[in-house]
Amino acid sequence: MQKLTVLYGHPTDADAFEKYYKEKHLPLAATMEGVAKLETTKFLGTPDGQKADYYRMAELYFDNLEQMQETMSSPEGQATVNDLSNFATGGVNVIVGITETD
């Protein structure tokens, strides 16, 4: 599967981030057709108790590269991408990969 990973930096206001993320951004992301699976993670820290490099992660899975490109270029995909600037005050890194299993 094709996977798009969104890594969120630590926001300036975590409570405001969480409220917007859950009430506005995730429902907006749910309008995108073609996403096979969406997982989100809120990082607690590193194994030695340090602050994690990132605050949150979202992983969006697609059947193939073409589906990912179609979904992300759709009006719903573009609206979701454009919404990031409304709440992701810690910055965002987006990376693309392929899942592998042994």
Protein backbone atom coordinates (compact mmCIF):
# COMPACT_ATOMS: atom_id res chain seq x y z
CA MET A 1 0.00 0.00 0.00
CA GLN A 2 0.99 3.59 -0.54
CA LYS A 3 1.25 5.63 2.65
CA LEU A 4 1.26 9.37 3.21
CA THR A 5 2.61 10.32 6.64
CA VAL A 6 2.01 13.74 8.17
CA LEU A 7 4.31 14.66 11.07
CA TYR A 8 3.15 17.61 13.17
CA GLY A 9 5.63 19.70 15.13
CA HIS A 10 4.81 20.79 18.67
CA PRO A 11 2.09 23.46 18.49
CA THR A 12 2.23 26.76 20.32
CA ASP A 13 -1.10 25.89 22.02
CA ALA A 14 -1.72 22.13 22.37
CA ASP A 15 -5.31 22.54 23.59
CA ALA A 16 -6.24 24.72 20.62
CA PHE A 17 -4.51 22.27 18.27
CA GLU A 18 -6.42 19.29 19.70
CA LYS A 19 -9.78 21.06 19.55
CA TYR A 20 -9.33 22.14 15.95
CA TYR A 21 -7.78 18.83 14.87
CA LYS A 22 -10.63 16.75 16.26
CA GLU A 23 -13.55 19.07 15.50
CA LYS A 24 -12.53 20.51 12.12
CA HIS A 25 -9.50 18.90 10.47
CA LEU A 26 -10.24 15.20 10.91
CA PRO A 27 -13.87 15.60 9.74
CA LEU A 28 -12.53 17.48 6.71
CA ALA A 29 -10.02 14.71 6.01
CA ALA A 30 -12.84 12.17 6.27
CA THR A 31 -14.45 13.73 3.16
CA MET A 32 -11.54 12.53 0.99
CA GLU A 33 -12.55 9.54 -1.12
CA GLY A 34 -9.96 6.85 -1.79
CA VAL A 35 -8.34 6.70 1.65
CA ALA A 36 -8.23 3.00 2.56
CA LYS A 37 -7.27 3.67 6.19
CA LEU A 38 -6.43 6.64 8.40
CA GLU A 39 -4.48 6.31 11.66
CA THR A 40 -3.50 9.09 14.03
CA THR A 41 -0.93 9.01 16.83
CA LYS A 42 -0.31 11.46 19.66
CA PHE A 43 3.27 11.04 20.84
CA LEU A 44 3.95 10.76 24.56
CA GLY A 45 7.74 11.03 24.43
CA THR A 46 10.81 8.91 23.92
CA PRO A 47 11.59 5.68 25.81
CA ASP A 48 13.99 7.56 28.08
CA GLY A 49 11.34 10.16 29.00
CA GLN A 50 12.43 12.96 26.69
CA LYS A 51 10.10 15.08 24.58
CA ALA A 52 9.38 13.46 21.21
CA ASP A 53 10.62 15.21 18.08
CA TYR A 54 7.04 15.46 16.86
CA TYR A 55 3.71 16.13 18.56
CA ARG A 56 1.37 14.04 16.37
CA MET A 57 1.36 11.85 13.30
CA ALA A 58 -1.34 11.00 10.78
CA GLU A 59 -0.94 8.07 8.40
CA LEU A 60 -3.16 7.83 5.35
CA TYR A 61 -3.13 4.57 3.39
CA PHE A 62 -4.04 4.20 -0.28
CA ASP A 63 -4.27 1.16 -2.56
CA ASN A 64 -1.64 2.58 -4.91
CA LEU A 65 0.23 5.73 -5.94
CA GLU A 66 -2.37 6.70 -8.53
CA GLN A 67 -5.15 6.60 -5.92
CA MET A 68 -3.11 8.72 -3.53
CA GLN A 69 -2.43 11.30 -6.26
CA GLU A 70 -6.08 11.36 -7.33
CA THR A 71 -7.31 11.74 -3.75
CA MET A 72 -4.84 14.42 -2.75
CA SER A 73 -5.44 16.46 -5.92
CA SER A 74 -9.23 16.34 -5.49
CA PRO A 75 -11.07 19.40 -4.12
CA GLU A 76 -11.47 17.58 -0.78
CA GLY A 77 -7.79 16.65 -0.69
CA GLN A 78 -6.71 20.19 -1.50
CA ALA A 79 -9.07 21.61 1.15
CA THR A 80 -7.55 19.25 3.73
CA VAL A 81 -4.00 20.26 2.78
CA ASN A 82 -4.89 23.96 2.78
CA ASP A 83 -6.45 23.60 6.23
CA LEU A 84 -3.09 22.74 7.83
CA SER A 85 -2.13 26.40 8.12
CA ASN A 86 -5.21 27.01 10.28
CA PHE A 87 -3.93 24.99 13.24
CA ALA A 88 -0.51 23.37 12.70
CA THR A 89 1.51 26.12 14.37
CA GLY A 90 4.47 23.79 15.00
CA GLY A 91 4.93 23.06 11.31
CA VAL A 92 4.25 19.95 9.26
CA ASN A 93 6.43 17.44 7.44
CA VAL A 94 4.77 15.21 4.85
CA ILE A 95 6.46 12.09 3.51
CA VAL A 96 5.34 9.34 1.15
CA GLY A 97 6.25 5.66 1.29
CA ILE A 98 5.19 2.12 0.52
CA THR A 99 4.32 -0.35 3.25
CA GLU A 100 6.26 -3.62 3.28
CA THR A 101 5.62 -6.85 5.10
CA ASP A 102 7.95 -9.78 5.65
